[in-house]
Amino acid sequence: MEELEIGRTARLFSHTIAYVAPKGFTAPYFQAFVDLPEGPRIFSLVGSQCPVERGVLEDGMDMRLIVEPVADTPEHGDELTSKYVPARTDGSRH
């Protein structure tokens, strides 16, 4: 393994909605794979500002990096992680 500093952008490769959550998390939530311009494809959660509804995300859309709590629950509210959200909020893909 190698440590790699990642940039603030990505392209959504694929995504799904998880309807069952492990203890300490709340469902539904998006799970995604994003392609980074630095080369790797990584697994990521999608930020909470993105409503969890079919059609909100589209594979291939530009995404941007944010930092927020892992989950909005007492067990994880103080733990921060990186997540991605759509880069544009005006409804356009790119």
PDB file of N, CA and C in Angstrom:
ATOM      1  N   MET A   1       0.845  -1.171   0.000  1.00  0.00           N
ATOM      2  CA  MET A   1       0.000   0.000   0.000  1.00  0.00           C
ATOM      3  C   MET A   1       0.886   1.228   0.000  1.00  0.00           C
ATOM      4  N   GLU A   2       0.315   2.270  -0.544  1.00  0.00           N
ATOM      5  CA  GLU A   2       1.050   3.520  -0.676  1.00  0.00           C
ATOM      6  C   GLU A   2       0.135   4.676  -0.281  1.00  0.00           C
ATOM      7  N   GLU A   3       0.670   5.610   0.492  1.00  0.00           N
ATOM      8  CA  GLU A   3      -0.110   6.784   0.866  1.00  0.00           C
ATOM      9  C   GLU A   3      -0.185   7.710  -0.336  1.00  0.00           C
ATOM     10  N   LEU A   4      -1.388   8.246  -0.593  1.00  0.00           N
ATOM     11  CA  LEU A   4      -1.605   9.108  -1.748  1.00  0.00           C
ATOM     12  C   LEU A   4      -2.488  10.271  -1.323  1.00  0.00           C
ATOM     13  N   GLU A   5      -2.041  11.473  -1.583  1.00  0.00           N
ATOM     14  CA  GLU A   5      -2.867  12.636  -1.323  1.00  0.00           C
ATOM     15  C   GLU A   5      -3.859  12.775  -2.465  1.00  0.00           C
ATOM     16  N   ILE A   6      -5.135  12.900  -2.123  1.00  0.00           N
ATOM     17  CA  ILE A   6      -6.151  12.987  -3.165  1.00  0.00           C
ATOM     18  C   ILE A   6      -6.634  14.423  -3.314  1.00  0.00           C
ATOM     19  N   GLY A   7      -7.068  14.728  -4.520  1.00  0.00           N
ATOM     20  CA  GLY A   7      -7.591  16.050  -4.807  1.00  0.00           C
ATOM     21  C   GLY A   7      -9.032  16.193  -4.356  1.00  0.00           C
ATOM     22  N   ARG A   8      -9.648  17.248  -4.780  1.00  0.00           N
ATOM     23  CA  ARG A   8     -11.002  17.566  -4.314  1.00  0.00           C
ATOM     24  C   ARG A   8     -12.092  17.215  -5.322  1.00  0.00           C
ATOM     25  N   THR A   9     -11.734  16.553  -6.418  1.00  0.00           N
ATOM     26  CA  THR A   9     -12.731  16.208  -7.426  1.00  0.00           C
ATOM     27  C   THR A   9     -12.681  14.725  -7.735  1.00  0.00           C
ATOM     28  N   ALA A  10     -13.766  14.237  -8.329  1.00  0.00           N
ATOM     29  CA  ALA A  10     -13.861  12.836  -8.742  1.00  0.00           C
ATOM     30  C   ALA A  10     -14.964  12.729  -9.780  1.00  0.00           C
ATOM     31  N   ARG A  11     -15.046  11.574 -10.405  1.00  0.00           N
ATOM     32  CA  ARG A  11     -16.138  11.273 -11.338  1.00  0.00           C
ATOM     33  C   ARG A  11     -16.848  10.030 -10.813  1.00  0.00           C
ATOM     34  N   LEU A  12     -18.158  10.097 -10.709  1.00  0.00           N
ATOM     35  CA  LEU A  12     -18.941   8.979 -10.186  1.00  0.00           C
ATOM     36  C   LEU A  12     -18.876   7.809 -11.164  1.00  0.00           C
ATOM     37  N   PHE A  13     -18.361   6.678 -10.698  1.00  0.00           N
ATOM     38  CA  PHE A  13     -18.279   5.479 -11.532  1.00  0.00           C
ATOM     39  C   PHE A  13     -19.572   4.671 -11.418  1.00  0.00           C
ATOM     40  N   SER A  14     -19.993   4.396 -10.181  1.00  0.00           N
ATOM     41  CA  SER A  14     -21.245   3.678  -9.959  1.00  0.00           C
ATOM     42  C   SER A  14     -21.737   3.970  -8.543  1.00  0.00           C
ATOM     43  N   HIS A  15     -23.010   3.688  -8.320  1.00  0.00           N
ATOM     44  CA  HIS A  15     -23.587   3.969  -7.011  1.00  0.00           C
ATOM     45  C   HIS A  15     -24.794   3.080  -6.749  1.00  0.00           C
ATOM     46  N   THR A  16     -25.167   3.003  -5.484  1.00  0.00           N
ATOM     47  CA  THR A  16     -26.356   2.269  -5.090  1.00  0.00           C
ATOM     48  C   THR A  16     -26.925   2.907  -3.831  1.00  0.00           C
ATOM     49  N   ILE A  17     -28.169   2.606  -3.556  1.00  0.00           N
ATOM     50  CA  ILE A  17     -28.788   3.042  -2.307  1.00  0.00           C
ATOM     51  C   ILE A  17     -28.829   1.844  -1.370  1.00  0.00           C
ATOM     52  N   ALA A  18     -28.258   2.011  -0.178  1.00  0.00           N
ATOM     53  CA  ALA A  18     -28.314   0.969   0.848  1.00  0.00           C
ATOM     54  C   ALA A  18     -29.555   1.222   1.709  1.00  0.00           C
ATOM     55  N   TYR A  19     -30.411   0.226   1.799  1.00  0.00           N
ATOM     56  CA  TYR A  19     -31.654   0.362   2.566  1.00  0.00           C
ATOM     57  C   TYR A  19     -31.562  -0.271   3.954  1.00  0.00           C
ATOM     58  N   VAL A  20     -30.458  -0.952   4.224  1.00  0.00           N
ATOM     59  CA  VAL A  20     -30.217  -1.554   5.528  1.00  0.00           C
ATOM     60  C   VAL A  20     -28.889  -1.008   6.019  1.00  0.00           C
ATOM     61  N   ALA A  21     -28.845  -0.591   7.284  1.00  0.00           N
ATOM     62  CA  ALA A  21     -27.633   0.026   7.822  1.00  0.00           C
ATOM     63  C   ALA A  21     -27.105  -0.774   9.008  1.00  0.00           C
ATOM     64  N   PRO A  22     -25.768  -0.791   9.151  1.00  0.00           N
ATOM     65  CA  PRO A  22     -25.209  -1.425  10.341  1.00  0.00           C
ATOM     66  C   PRO A  22     -25.535  -0.603  11.579  1.00  0.00           C
ATOM     67  N   LYS A  23     -25.376  -1.211  12.746  1.00  0.00           N
ATOM     68  CA  LYS A  23     -25.654  -0.531  14.005  1.00  0.00           C
ATOM     69  C   LYS A  23     -24.869   0.779  14.076  1.00  0.00           C
ATOM     70  N   GLY A  24     -25.538   1.848  14.465  1.00  0.00           N
ATOM     71  CA  GLY A  24     -24.893   3.154  14.574  1.00  0.00           C
ATOM     72  C   GLY A  24     -25.003   4.003  13.321  1.00  0.00           C
ATOM     73  N   PHE A  25     -25.646   3.492  12.288  1.00  0.00           N
ATOM     74  CA  PHE A  25     -25.841   4.237  11.049  1.00  0.00           C
ATOM     75  C   PHE A  25     -27.328   4.286  10.740  1.00  0.00           C
ATOM     76  N   THR A  26     -27.723   5.182   9.839  1.00  0.00           N
ATOM     77  CA  THR A  26     -29.123   5.348   9.478  1.00  0.00           C
ATOM     78  C   THR A  26     -29.293   5.094   7.984  1.00  0.00           C
ATOM     79  N   ALA A  27     -30.266   4.280   7.620  1.00  0.00           N
ATOM     80  CA  ALA A  27     -30.574   4.013   6.214  1.00  0.00           C
ATOM     81  C   ALA A  27     -31.807   4.817   5.838  1.00  0.00           C
ATOM     82  N   PRO A  28     -32.010   5.094   4.569  1.00  0.00           N
ATOM     83  CA  PRO A  28     -31.159   4.750   3.430  1.00  0.00           C
ATOM     84  C   PRO A  28     -29.997   5.740   3.282  1.00  0.00           C
ATOM     85  N   TYR A  29     -28.951   5.290   2.562  1.00  0.00           N
ATOM     86  CA  TYR A  29     -27.814   6.148   2.256  1.00  0.00           C
ATOM     87  C   TYR A  29     -27.161   5.664   0.965  1.00  0.00           C
ATOM     88  N   PHE A  30     -26.467   6.576   0.288  1.00  0.00           N
ATOM     89  CA  PHE A  30     -25.763   6.228  -0.945  1.00  0.00           C
ATOM     90  C   PHE A  30     -24.401   5.628  -0.633  1.00  0.00           C
ATOM     91  N   GLN A  31     -24.032   4.608  -1.389  1.00  0.00           N
ATOM     92  CA  GLN A  31     -22.674   4.084  -1.445  1.00  0.00           C
ATOM     93  C   GLN A  31     -22.216   4.273  -2.882  1.00  0.00           C
ATOM     94  N   ALA A  32     -20.936   4.600  -3.061  1.00  0.00           N
ATOM     95  CA  ALA A  32     -20.476   4.898  -4.416  1.00  0.00           C
ATOM     96  C   ALA A  32     -19.027   4.482  -4.624  1.00  0.00           C
ATOM     97  N   PHE A  33     -18.687   4.279  -5.890  1.00  0.00           N
ATOM     98  CA  PHE A  33     -17.303   4.192  -6.317  1.00  0.00           C
ATOM     99  C   PHE A  33     -17.054   5.422  -7.169  1.00  0.00           C
ATOM    100  N   VAL A  34     -15.970   6.134  -6.879  1.00  0.00           N
ATOM    101  CA  VAL A  34     -15.612   7.316  -7.658  1.00  0.00           C
ATOM    102  C   VAL A  34     -14.212   7.142  -8.219  1.00  0.00           C
ATOM    103  N   ASP A  35     -14.006   7.669  -9.420  1.00  0.00           N
ATOM    104  CA  ASP A  35     -12.693   7.668 -10.061  1.00  0.00           C
ATOM    105  C   ASP A  35     -12.024   9.000  -9.775  1.00  0.00           C
ATOM    106  N   LEU A  36     -10.820   8.934  -9.215  1.00  0.00           N
ATOM    107  CA  LEU A  36     -10.064  10.139  -8.902  1.00  0.00           C
ATOM    108  C   LEU A  36      -9.163  10.502 -10.065  1.00  0.00           C
ATOM    109  N   PRO A  37      -8.926  11.792 -10.304  1.00  0.00           N
ATOM    110  CA  PRO A  37      -8.032  12.192 -11.385  1.00  0.00           C
ATOM    111  C   PRO A  37      -6.609  11.695 -11.161  1.00  0.00           C
ATOM    112  N   GLU A  38      -6.266  11.389  -9.906  1.00  0.00           N
ATOM    113  CA  GLU A  38      -4.936  10.881  -9.595  1.00  0.00           C
ATOM    114  C   GLU A  38      -4.755   9.423 -10.010  1.00  0.00           C
ATOM    115  N   GLY A  39      -5.853   8.752 -10.402  1.00  0.00           N
ATOM    116  CA  GLY A  39      -5.746   7.394 -10.915  1.00  0.00           C
ATOM    117  C   GLY A  39      -6.610   6.354 -10.234  1.00  0.00           C
ATOM    118  N   PRO A  40      -6.645   6.289  -8.900  1.00  0.00           N
ATOM    119  CA  PRO A  40      -7.398   5.190  -8.296  1.00  0.00           C
ATOM    120  C   PRO A  40      -8.912   5.382  -8.336  1.00  0.00           C
ATOM    121  N   ARG A  41      -9.603   4.253  -8.251  1.00  0.00           N
ATOM    122  CA  ARG A  41     -11.053   4.229  -8.048  1.00  0.00           C
ATOM    123  C   ARG A  41     -11.249   3.851  -6.588  1.00  0.00           C
ATOM    124  N   ILE A  42     -12.036   4.634  -5.854  1.00  0.00           N
ATOM    125  CA  ILE A  42     -12.210   4.369  -4.435  1.00  0.00           C
ATOM    126  C   ILE A  42     -13.693   4.247  -4.078  1.00  0.00           C
ATOM    127  N   PHE A  43     -13.939   3.556  -2.974  1.00  0.00           N
ATOM    128  CA  PHE A  43     -15.284   3.461  -2.407  1.00  0.00           C
ATOM    129  C   PHE A  43     -15.507   4.681  -1.539  1.00  0.00           C
ATOM    130  N   SER A  44     -16.700   5.238  -1.574  1.00  0.00           N
ATOM    131  CA  SER A  44     -17.009   6.404  -0.756  1.00  0.00           C
ATOM    132  C   SER A  44     -18.494   6.428  -0.429  1.00  0.00           C
ATOM    133  N   LEU A  45     -18.797   7.033   0.692  1.00  0.00           N
ATOM    134  CA  LEU A  45     -20.178   7.388   0.980  1.00  0.00           C
ATOM    135  C   LEU A  45     -20.454   8.729   0.326  1.00  0.00           C
ATOM    136  N   VAL A  46     -21.718   9.029   0.103  1.00  0.00           N
ATOM    137  CA  VAL A  46     -22.116  10.304  -0.484  1.00  0.00           C
ATOM    138  C   VAL A  46     -22.607  11.193   0.648  1.00  0.00           C
ATOM    139  N   GLY A  47     -22.233  12.452   0.614  1.00  0.00           N
ATOM    140  CA  GLY A  47     -22.553  13.393   1.680  1.00  0.00           C
ATOM    141  C   GLY A  47     -24.033  13.541   1.939  1.00  0.00           C
ATOM    142  N   SER A  48     -24.340  13.900   3.179  1.00  0.00           N
ATOM    143  CA  SER A  48     -25.734  13.978   3.612  1.00  0.00           C
ATOM    144  C   SER A  48     -26.526  15.102   2.944  1.00  0.00           C
ATOM    145  N   GLN A  49     -25.840  16.097   2.343  1.00  0.00           N
ATOM    146  CA  GLN A  49     -26.574  17.171   1.661  1.00  0.00           C
ATOM    147  C   GLN A  49     -27.204  16.688   0.360  1.00  0.00           C
ATOM    148  N   CYS A  50     -26.851  15.500  -0.079  1.00  0.00           N
ATOM    149  CA  CYS A  50     -27.414  14.919  -1.298  1.00  0.00           C
ATOM    150  C   CYS A  50     -28.616  14.060  -0.905  1.00  0.00           C
ATOM    151  N   PRO A  51     -29.834  14.435  -1.326  1.00  0.00           N
ATOM    152  CA  PRO A  51     -31.013  13.646  -0.945  1.00  0.00           C
ATOM    153  C   PRO A  51     -30.927  12.224  -1.498  1.00  0.00           C
ATOM    154  N   VAL A  52     -31.256  11.250  -0.671  1.00  0.00           N
ATOM    155  CA  VAL A  52     -31.163   9.840  -1.066  1.00  0.00           C
ATOM    156  C   VAL A  52     -32.437   9.450  -1.795  1.00  0.00           C
ATOM    157  N   GLU A  53     -32.419   9.674  -3.098  1.00  0.00           N
ATOM    158  CA  GLU A  53     -33.560   9.362  -3.959  1.00  0.00           C
ATOM    159  C   GLU A  53     -33.034   8.854  -5.295  1.00  0.00           C
ATOM    160  N   ARG A  54     -33.769   7.957  -5.897  1.00  0.00           N
ATOM    161  CA  ARG A  54     -33.400   7.476  -7.228  1.00  0.00           C
ATOM    162  C   ARG A  54     -33.364   8.656  -8.196  1.00  0.00           C
ATOM    163  N   GLY A  55     -32.361   8.669  -9.074  1.00  0.00           N
ATOM    164  CA  GLY A  55     -32.259   9.700 -10.095  1.00  0.00           C
ATOM    165  C   GLY A  55     -31.472  10.935  -9.674  1.00  0.00           C
ATOM    166  N   VAL A  56     -31.135  11.061  -8.396  1.00  0.00           N
ATOM    167  CA  VAL A  56     -30.370  12.223  -7.937  1.00  0.00           C
ATOM    168  C   VAL A  56     -28.928  12.145  -8.441  1.00  0.00           C
ATOM    169  N   LEU A  57     -28.357  10.935  -8.402  1.00  0.00           N
ATOM    170  CA  LEU A  57     -26.999  10.721  -8.907  1.00  0.00           C
ATOM    171  C   LEU A  57     -27.052  10.046 -10.264  1.00  0.00           C
ATOM    172  N   GLU A  58     -26.095  10.370 -11.098  1.00  0.00           N
ATOM    173  CA  GLU A  58     -25.985   9.752 -12.416  1.00  0.00           C
ATOM    174  C   GLU A  58     -24.540   9.337 -12.622  1.00  0.00           C
ATOM    175  N   ASP A  59     -24.309   8.054 -12.918  1.00  0.00           N
ATOM    176  CA  ASP A  59     -22.954   7.594 -13.158  1.00  0.00           C
ATOM    177  C   ASP A  59     -22.298   8.468 -14.225  1.00  0.00           C
ATOM    178  N   GLY A  60     -21.049   8.852 -13.979  1.00  0.00           N
ATOM    179  CA  GLY A  60     -20.314   9.718 -14.897  1.00  0.00           C
ATOM    180  C   GLY A  60     -20.330  11.183 -14.486  1.00  0.00           C
ATOM    181  N   MET A  61     -21.160  11.549 -13.512  1.00  0.00           N
ATOM    182  CA  MET A  61     -21.239  12.956 -13.118  1.00  0.00           C
ATOM    183  C   MET A  61     -20.017  13.360 -12.291  1.00  0.00           C
ATOM    184  N   ASP A  62     -19.695  14.643 -12.332  1.00  0.00           N
ATOM    185  CA  ASP A  62     -18.595  15.192 -11.552  1.00  0.00           C
ATOM    186  C   ASP A  62     -19.005  15.302 -10.095  1.00  0.00           C
ATOM    187  N   MET A  63     -18.060  14.982  -9.221  1.00  0.00           N
ATOM    188  CA  MET A  63     -18.295  15.016  -7.784  1.00  0.00           C
ATOM    189  C   MET A  63     -17.215  15.870  -7.131  1.00  0.00           C
ATOM    190  N   ARG A  64     -17.497  16.353  -5.917  1.00  0.00           N
ATOM    191  CA  ARG A  64     -16.491  17.109  -5.169  1.00  0.00           C
ATOM    192  C   ARG A  64     -16.396  16.554  -3.755  1.00  0.00           C
ATOM    193  N   LEU A  65     -15.219  16.660  -3.199  1.00  0.00           N
ATOM    194  CA  LEU A  65     -14.907  16.130  -1.880  1.00  0.00           C
ATOM    195  C   LEU A  65     -15.409  17.055  -0.780  1.00  0.00           C
ATOM    196  N   ILE A  66     -15.999  16.478   0.257  1.00  0.00           N
ATOM    197  CA  ILE A  66     -16.375  17.226   1.462  1.00  0.00           C
ATOM    198  C   ILE A  66     -15.911  16.414   2.675  1.00  0.00           C
ATOM    199  N   VAL A  67     -15.894  17.025   3.820  1.00  0.00           N
ATOM    200  CA  VAL A  67     -15.618  16.329   5.078  1.00  0.00           C
ATOM    201  C   VAL A  67     -16.813  16.552   5.982  1.00  0.00           C
ATOM    202  N   GLU A  68     -17.346  15.449   6.521  1.00  0.00           N
ATOM    203  CA  GLU A  68     -18.486  15.538   7.422  1.00  0.00           C
ATOM    204  C   GLU A  68     -18.474  14.332   8.345  1.00  0.00           C
ATOM    205  N   PRO A  69     -19.347  14.309   9.370  1.00  0.00           N
ATOM    206  CA  PRO A  69     -19.396  13.142  10.256  1.00  0.00           C
ATOM    207  C   PRO A  69     -19.678  11.862   9.473  1.00  0.00           C
ATOM    208  N   VAL A  70     -19.109  10.765   9.951  1.00  0.00           N
ATOM    209  CA  VAL A  70     -19.330   9.464   9.323  1.00  0.00           C
ATOM    210  C   VAL A  70     -20.828   9.184   9.245  1.00  0.00           C
ATOM    211  N   ALA A  71     -21.535   9.459  10.337  1.00  0.00           N
ATOM    212  CA  ALA A  71     -22.979   9.247  10.393  1.00  0.00           C
ATOM    213  C   ALA A  71     -23.574  10.248  11.371  1.00  0.00           C
ATOM    214  N   ASP A  72     -24.831  10.579  11.154  1.00  0.00           N
ATOM    215  CA  ASP A  72     -25.521  11.516  12.036  1.00  0.00           C
ATOM    216  C   ASP A  72     -26.210  10.742  13.158  1.00  0.00           C
ATOM    217  N   THR A  73     -25.389  10.063  13.959  1.00  0.00           N
ATOM    218  CA  THR A  73     -25.889   9.287  15.085  1.00  0.00           C
ATOM    219  C   THR A  73     -24.994   9.549  16.287  1.00  0.00           C
ATOM    220  N   PRO A  74     -25.489   9.317  17.496  1.00  0.00           N
ATOM    221  CA  PRO A  74     -24.651   9.542  18.684  1.00  0.00           C
ATOM    222  C   PRO A  74     -23.353   8.734  18.667  1.00  0.00           C
ATOM    223  N   GLU A  75     -23.396   7.522  18.104  1.00  0.00           N
ATOM    224  CA  GLU A  75     -22.204   6.667  18.083  1.00  0.00           C
ATOM    225  C   GLU A  75     -21.110   7.205  17.170  1.00  0.00           C
ATOM    226  N   HIS A  76     -21.470   7.930  16.112  1.00  0.00           N
ATOM    227  CA  HIS A  76     -20.495   8.345  15.100  1.00  0.00           C
ATOM    228  C   HIS A  76     -20.490   9.838  14.809  1.00  0.00           C
ATOM    229  N   GLY A  77     -21.249  10.616  15.547  1.00  0.00           N
ATOM    230  CA  GLY A  77     -21.384  12.044  15.272  1.00  0.00           C
ATOM    231  C   GLY A  77     -20.099  12.844  15.361  1.00  0.00           C
ATOM    232  N   ASP A  78     -19.127  12.374  16.160  1.00  0.00           N
ATOM    233  CA  ASP A  78     -17.863  13.097  16.312  1.00  0.00           C
ATOM    234  C   ASP A  78     -16.754  12.574  15.406  1.00  0.00           C
ATOM    235  N   GLU A  79     -17.010  11.510  14.639  1.00  0.00           N
ATOM    236  CA  GLU A  79     -16.008  10.932  13.747  1.00  0.00           C
ATOM    237  C   GLU A  79     -16.166  11.536  12.354  1.00  0.00           C
ATOM    238  N   LEU A  80     -15.115  12.177  11.845  1.00  0.00           N
ATOM    239  CA  LEU A  80     -15.169  12.797  10.523  1.00  0.00           C
ATOM    240  C   LEU A  80     -14.585  11.874   9.458  1.00  0.00           C
ATOM    241  N   THR A  81     -15.090  12.005   8.249  1.00  0.00           N
ATOM    242  CA  THR A  81     -14.571  11.254   7.115  1.00  0.00           C
ATOM    243  C   THR A  81     -14.765  12.063   5.843  1.00  0.00           C
ATOM    244  N   SER A  82     -14.092  11.649   4.797  1.00  0.00           N
ATOM    245  CA  SER A  82     -14.296  12.298   3.500  1.00  0.00           C
ATOM    246  C   SER A  82     -15.435  11.586   2.784  1.00  0.00           C
ATOM    247  N   LYS A  83     -16.254  12.378   2.110  1.00  0.00           N
ATOM    248  CA  LYS A  83     -17.370  11.882   1.304  1.00  0.00           C
ATOM    249  C   LYS A  83     -17.414  12.727   0.039  1.00  0.00           C
ATOM    250  N   TYR A  84     -18.225  12.309  -0.911  1.00  0.00           N
ATOM    251  CA  TYR A  84     -18.387  13.073  -2.154  1.00  0.00           C
ATOM    252  C   TYR A  84     -19.841  13.484  -2.331  1.00  0.00           C
ATOM    253  N   VAL A  85     -20.031  14.610  -2.981  1.00  0.00           N
ATOM    254  CA  VAL A  85     -21.359  15.112  -3.344  1.00  0.00           C
ATOM    255  C   VAL A  85     -21.279  15.596  -4.791  1.00  0.00           C
ATOM    256  N   PRO A  86     -22.431  15.719  -5.480  1.00  0.00           N
ATOM    257  CA  PRO A  86     -22.383  16.245  -6.842  1.00  0.00           C
ATOM    258  C   PRO A  86     -21.687  17.604  -6.877  1.00  0.00           C
ATOM    259  N   ALA A  87     -20.844  17.795  -7.890  1.00  0.00           N
ATOM    260  CA  ALA A  87     -20.076  19.033  -8.012  1.00  0.00           C
ATOM    261  C   ALA A  87     -20.968  20.223  -8.316  1.00  0.00           C
ATOM    262  N   ARG A  88     -22.047  19.986  -9.044  1.00  0.00           N
ATOM    263  CA  ARG A  88     -22.971  21.064  -9.416  1.00  0.00           C
ATOM    264  C   ARG A  88     -24.334  20.801  -8.813  1.00  0.00           C
ATOM    265  N   THR A  89     -24.977  21.870  -8.427  1.00  0.00           N
ATOM    266  CA  THR A  89     -26.317  21.737  -7.872  1.00  0.00           C
ATOM    267  C   THR A  89     -27.364  22.333  -8.803  1.00  0.00           C
ATOM    268  N   ASP A  90     -26.963  22.675 -10.028  1.00  0.00           N
ATOM    269  CA  ASP A  90     -27.897  23.298 -10.965  1.00  0.00           C
ATOM    270  C   ASP A  90     -28.590  22.291 -11.876  1.00  0.00           C
ATOM    271  N   GLY A  91     -28.356  20.979 -11.595  1.00  0.00           N
ATOM    272  CA  GLY A  91     -29.021  19.950 -12.385  1.00  0.00           C
ATOM    273  C   GLY A  91     -28.233  19.477 -13.597  1.00  0.00           C
ATOM    274  N   SER A  92     -27.099  20.129 -13.934  1.00  0.00           N
ATOM    275  CA  SER A  92     -26.315  19.677 -15.079  1.00  0.00           C
ATOM    276  C   SER A  92     -25.316  18.622 -14.638  1.00  0.00           C
ATOM    277  N   ARG A  93     -24.937  17.769 -15.559  1.00  0.00           N
ATOM    278  CA  ARG A  93     -24.038  16.651 -15.263  1.00  0.00           C
ATOM    279  C   ARG A  93     -22.606  17.100 -15.055  1.00  0.00           C
ATOM    280  N   HIS A  94     -22.092  17.980 -15.885  1.00  0.00           N
ATOM    281  CA  HIS A  94     -20.659  18.325 -15.848  1.00  0.00           C
ATOM    282  C   HIS A  94     -20.468  19.812 -15.692  1.00  0.00           C
TER     283      HIS A  94
END
